[in-house]
Every structure is written in structure tokens, then in C-alpha cells.
Protein backbone atom coordinates (compact mmCIF):
# COMPACT_ATOMS: atom_id res chain seq x y z
CA MET A 1 91.35 129.92 128.17
CA PRO A 2 91.39 126.17 128.91
CA SER A 3 92.95 125.04 132.15
CA ASP A 4 95.56 122.77 130.52
CA ALA A 5 96.91 125.41 128.11
CA VAL A 6 100.36 126.77 128.82
CA GLU A 7 100.95 130.48 128.49
CA THR A 8 104.34 131.24 126.96
CA GLY A 9 104.28 135.02 126.88
CA PRO A 10 105.24 137.33 124.05
CA GLU A 11 107.85 136.15 121.52
CA PRO A 12 111.10 138.09 121.19
CA ALA A 13 111.36 140.29 118.10
CA GLY A 14 114.07 138.22 116.35
CA ALA A 15 112.68 134.76 117.21
CA ALA A 16 109.86 134.46 114.69
CA GLY A 17 110.95 130.90 113.81
CA PRO A 18 112.44 129.49 110.64
CA GLU A 19 111.67 131.10 107.31
CA PRO A 20 108.60 129.69 105.53
CA SER A 21 110.75 128.51 102.59
CA ALA A 22 112.83 126.35 104.96
CA ARG A 23 109.74 124.49 106.15
CA ILE A 24 108.40 123.43 102.75
CA PRO A 25 110.63 120.89 100.98
CA ARG A 26 111.03 121.59 97.29
CA VAL A 27 111.24 119.09 94.45
CA VAL A 28 114.83 118.93 93.21
CA VAL A 29 114.62 118.27 89.49
CA ARG A 30 118.17 118.83 88.30
CA ALA A 31 119.83 116.73 90.98
CA ASP A 32 117.29 113.92 90.56
CA LEU A 33 117.21 113.89 86.75
CA LEU A 34 120.27 111.69 86.19
CA PRO A 35 119.23 109.11 88.83
CA ALA A 36 115.74 109.07 87.30
CA LEU A 37 117.18 108.42 83.83
CA SER A 38 119.36 105.68 85.29
CA ALA A 39 116.31 104.15 86.95
CA LEU A 40 114.40 104.37 83.66
CA SER A 41 117.17 102.50 81.84
CA LEU A 42 117.65 99.82 84.49
CA VAL A 43 113.94 99.20 84.95
CA ALA A 44 113.47 98.99 81.17
CA LEU A 45 116.09 96.23 80.99
CA LEU A 46 113.96 94.23 83.40
CA GLY A 47 111.73 93.42 80.42
CA LEU A 48 114.21 90.90 79.02
CA PRO A 49 114.21 88.46 81.97
CA LEU A 50 110.47 89.01 82.44
CA GLY A 51 109.81 88.04 78.82
CA TRP A 52 112.04 84.98 79.11
CA LEU A 53 110.37 83.86 82.34
CA TRP A 54 106.89 84.38 80.88
CA SER A 55 107.77 82.35 77.78
CA ARG A 56 108.79 79.43 79.99
CA LEU A 57 105.71 79.61 82.24
CA ALA A 58 102.94 80.36 79.73
CA PRO A 59 101.33 77.17 78.38
CA PRO A 60 101.22 76.50 74.64
CA GLU A 61 97.99 75.64 72.88
CA LEU A 62 97.56 72.30 71.10
CA ALA A 63 95.71 72.89 67.85
CA LEU A 64 94.75 71.18 64.63
CA LEU A 65 95.61 72.79 61.35
CA SER A 66 92.48 73.47 59.30
CA SER A 67 92.34 73.16 55.50
CA SER A 68 92.55 76.95 55.25
CA GLY A 69 95.80 76.92 57.25
CA ASN A 70 94.41 78.42 60.45
CA PRO A 71 94.96 76.66 63.79
CA VAL A 72 91.82 75.38 65.51
CA PRO A 73 91.98 74.30 69.19
CA ALA A 74 92.29 70.51 69.46
CA GLN A 75 89.94 70.49 72.47
CA VAL A 76 87.63 73.12 73.91
CA THR A 77 89.80 73.49 77.01
CA GLU A 78 92.92 74.25 74.97
CA SER A 79 91.58 77.71 74.16
CA TYR A 80 91.73 78.52 77.89
CA HIS A 81 95.51 78.73 77.55
CA ARG A 82 95.10 82.09 75.81
CA PHE A 83 93.67 83.48 79.05
CA ASP A 84 96.38 81.70 81.05
CA ALA A 85 99.10 83.38 78.99
CA VAL A 86 97.64 86.86 79.49
CA GLY A 87 96.93 86.21 83.18
CA LEU A 88 100.49 85.05 83.82
CA PHE A 89 101.86 88.07 82.02
CA LEU A 90 99.71 90.42 84.11
CA LEU A 91 100.71 88.76 87.37
CA LEU A 92 104.42 88.74 86.52
CA THR A 93 104.51 92.37 85.44
CA PHE A 94 102.43 93.58 88.40
CA ALA A 95 104.73 91.74 90.82
CA ALA A 96 107.77 93.18 89.02
CA GLY A 97 106.24 96.65 89.37
CA LEU A 98 105.71 96.24 93.10
CA VAL A 99 109.26 94.93 93.62
CA THR A 100 110.64 97.79 91.52
CA ALA A 101 108.74 100.31 93.65
CA GLY A 102 110.14 98.75 96.82
CA VAL A 103 113.71 98.80 95.54
CA LEU A 104 113.46 102.40 94.34
CA TRP A 105 111.88 103.48 97.63
CA ALA A 106 114.99 102.13 99.34
CA VAL A 107 117.06 104.71 97.43
CA ARG A 108 116.39 107.17 100.21
CA GLY A 109 118.43 110.10 98.94
CA ARG A 110 116.50 110.36 95.66
CA ARG A 111 112.91 109.79 96.77
CA GLY A 112 110.37 111.96 95.03
CA PRO A 113 108.26 112.52 91.94
CA VAL A 114 111.17 112.72 89.49
CA LEU A 115 112.34 109.19 90.36
CA LEU A 116 108.73 107.97 90.27
CA ILE A 117 108.19 109.34 86.76
CA GLY A 118 111.42 107.70 85.58
CA ALA A 119 110.40 104.39 87.13
CA VAL A 120 106.91 104.48 85.60
CA LEU A 121 108.28 105.25 82.14
CA GLY A 122 110.93 102.54 82.53
CA SER A 123 108.25 100.07 83.59
CA LEU A 124 106.19 100.91 80.53
CA VAL A 125 109.19 100.17 78.30
CA ALA A 126 109.95 97.00 80.32
CA ALA A 127 106.41 95.66 79.92
CA TRP A 128 106.45 96.38 76.18
CA LEU A 129 109.84 94.71 75.86
CA ALA A 130 108.66 91.72 77.93
CA MET A 131 105.63 91.30 75.69
CA ARG A 132 107.65 91.49 72.46
CA MET A 133 110.62 89.40 73.61
CA GLY A 134 108.37 86.92 75.43
CA ALA A 135 106.53 86.22 72.17
CA THR A 136 109.88 85.80 70.40
CA PHE A 137 111.23 83.44 73.08
CA ALA A 138 107.98 81.43 73.06
CA GLY A 139 108.06 81.22 69.25
CA ASP A 140 111.56 79.78 69.42
CA LEU A 141 110.47 77.36 72.13
CA TYR A 142 107.44 76.06 70.19
CA PRO A 143 108.32 76.28 66.46
CA LEU A 144 105.82 75.33 63.79
CA PRO A 145 106.62 72.22 61.74
CA ALA A 146 108.42 72.77 58.44
CA ALA A 147 105.66 71.26 56.29
CA PRO A 148 102.39 71.26 58.23
CA ARG A 149 99.51 69.31 56.70
CA ALA A 150 95.81 69.93 57.09
CA GLY A 151 94.38 68.08 60.08
CA GLY A 152 97.79 67.68 61.70
CA GLN A 153 98.37 68.59 65.31
CA ILE A 154 100.57 71.61 65.98
CA THR A 155 101.69 73.47 69.08
CA VAL A 156 100.84 77.16 69.01
CA ALA A 157 103.17 79.37 71.03
CA PRO A 158 101.56 81.53 73.72
CA GLU A 159 101.08 85.23 73.12
CA VAL A 160 99.74 88.27 74.92
CA SER A 161 96.70 89.13 72.86
CA THR A 162 95.99 92.62 74.22
CA PRO A 163 98.32 95.62 74.03
CA TRP A 164 96.69 97.04 77.20
CA ALA A 165 98.68 94.52 79.25
CA VAL A 166 101.71 96.83 79.15
CA LEU A 167 99.96 99.22 81.57
CA VAL A 168 99.98 96.80 84.51
CA GLN A 169 103.67 97.07 85.42
CA PRO A 170 103.68 100.90 85.53
CA LEU A 171 100.49 100.69 87.58
CA GLY A 172 102.25 98.38 90.04
CA VAL A 173 105.17 100.80 90.33
CA ALA A 174 102.90 103.80 90.85
CA LEU A 175 100.74 101.99 93.41
CA GLY A 176 103.69 100.61 95.38
CA TYR A 177 105.60 103.88 95.39
CA GLY A 178 102.47 105.89 96.16
CA PHE A 179 101.57 103.60 99.05
CA ALA A 180 105.08 103.95 100.49
CA ALA A 181 104.95 107.74 100.11
CA SER A 182 101.54 107.97 101.76
CA TRP A 183 102.70 105.74 104.62
CA ASN A 184 105.73 107.97 105.14
CA GLY A 185 105.06 110.79 107.57
CA PHE A 186 107.80 113.20 106.51
CA ASP A 187 107.29 116.20 104.23
CA ASP A 188 110.54 115.43 102.44
CA LEU A 189 109.72 111.65 102.25
CA GLY A 190 112.61 110.92 104.59
CA ARG A 191 115.36 111.99 102.19
CA ARG A 192 118.77 112.42 103.72
CA PRO A 193 119.96 116.05 103.97
């Protein structure tokens, strides 16, 4: 027996400690379902301002109208704006995902996997809505001329060219929420009783 160990003696018969079920916190699905659905709805609505903001920040592409009616970049560097539009969308949605995770982590009484699933699904809808509405807002901001002629210069509205971009905002939510949960040292994630 080590010299610094303390001997406590035998435990009394009735003092075995708390029951094992009291030590392990359980996931509360029914109580957290309505807040998770509310979070899903509110986070999904975040797609509208995200789409509007992206449409204002993403640069349009100056192009010349070919004889076949297809736009051709006016200069080689104009085609870089396609990457700029996608990059801005990814940065905006990832930042929105991290902020959403921080706000939902602050809802201390409902922390857990049910709220996380609702937030991730809401973020997926928000990113899809931001991509669709952002393209609509940008199309209204940079309309095509009524009667374009071949060789004429037109402004092509920005667009998100890959559907995989919608996965970045849910990834931001999951990473932010997961980091906060792993940093937390409590078994019940610090939920209030």
C-alpha cells in the first residue's frame, strides 16, 4: 500500500453511493424535439439574408456574346470571378455555420445531439436556400439586355456552380458544436437541471 494513500475503512451497508442510472445522463428526445424543430426552422431562414449578402458581394463576369448566343469572357481574368463567387459563398456559409453553432451552444438547457441534428438539417436547408435565392437576387441585380447582339458586352450574374457547396454550412455547425462539446468537461454538457 503506498504511503500517501488514505484508508477509509469498510463502507456502511446502505451507503453504496448513487444508483448507476443517476450517474449517466440520458439523451432527452421528447423534451428536446420541439426546440430542435424550432432551431431547424430559424436556422433555415438564415438562408435568405445569406443569399442576399452573397449576391451583393460576388463579382459579376464581363463577357462578350458569341454568334451562337453563349457568353465568352471578355478577358482571361474575368473567368476568375466564377471561383470568387464560389469561394465567397463557401466562406459566408462556413462563417454562418460557426456563428449558428455558437448561438445554439448558448442555449444551455437544450444542449445535446437532438439540437445538433436540428441545427445541421436547418443549415443544410439554409445553404440550399442561400444558393437558390442568391442566384435569383444576383440575376435581378445584373439583368441581361433585352435585345443582345453578337459581339456585344454583357454582364453575367454570379452563380454557385457546384451543388456540393451546400455541405459547408452544416459542416461549420457540426464542427463548431462538436468543438464546444469536446471542450466542455461535463457529462451532461452543462445543461441546467
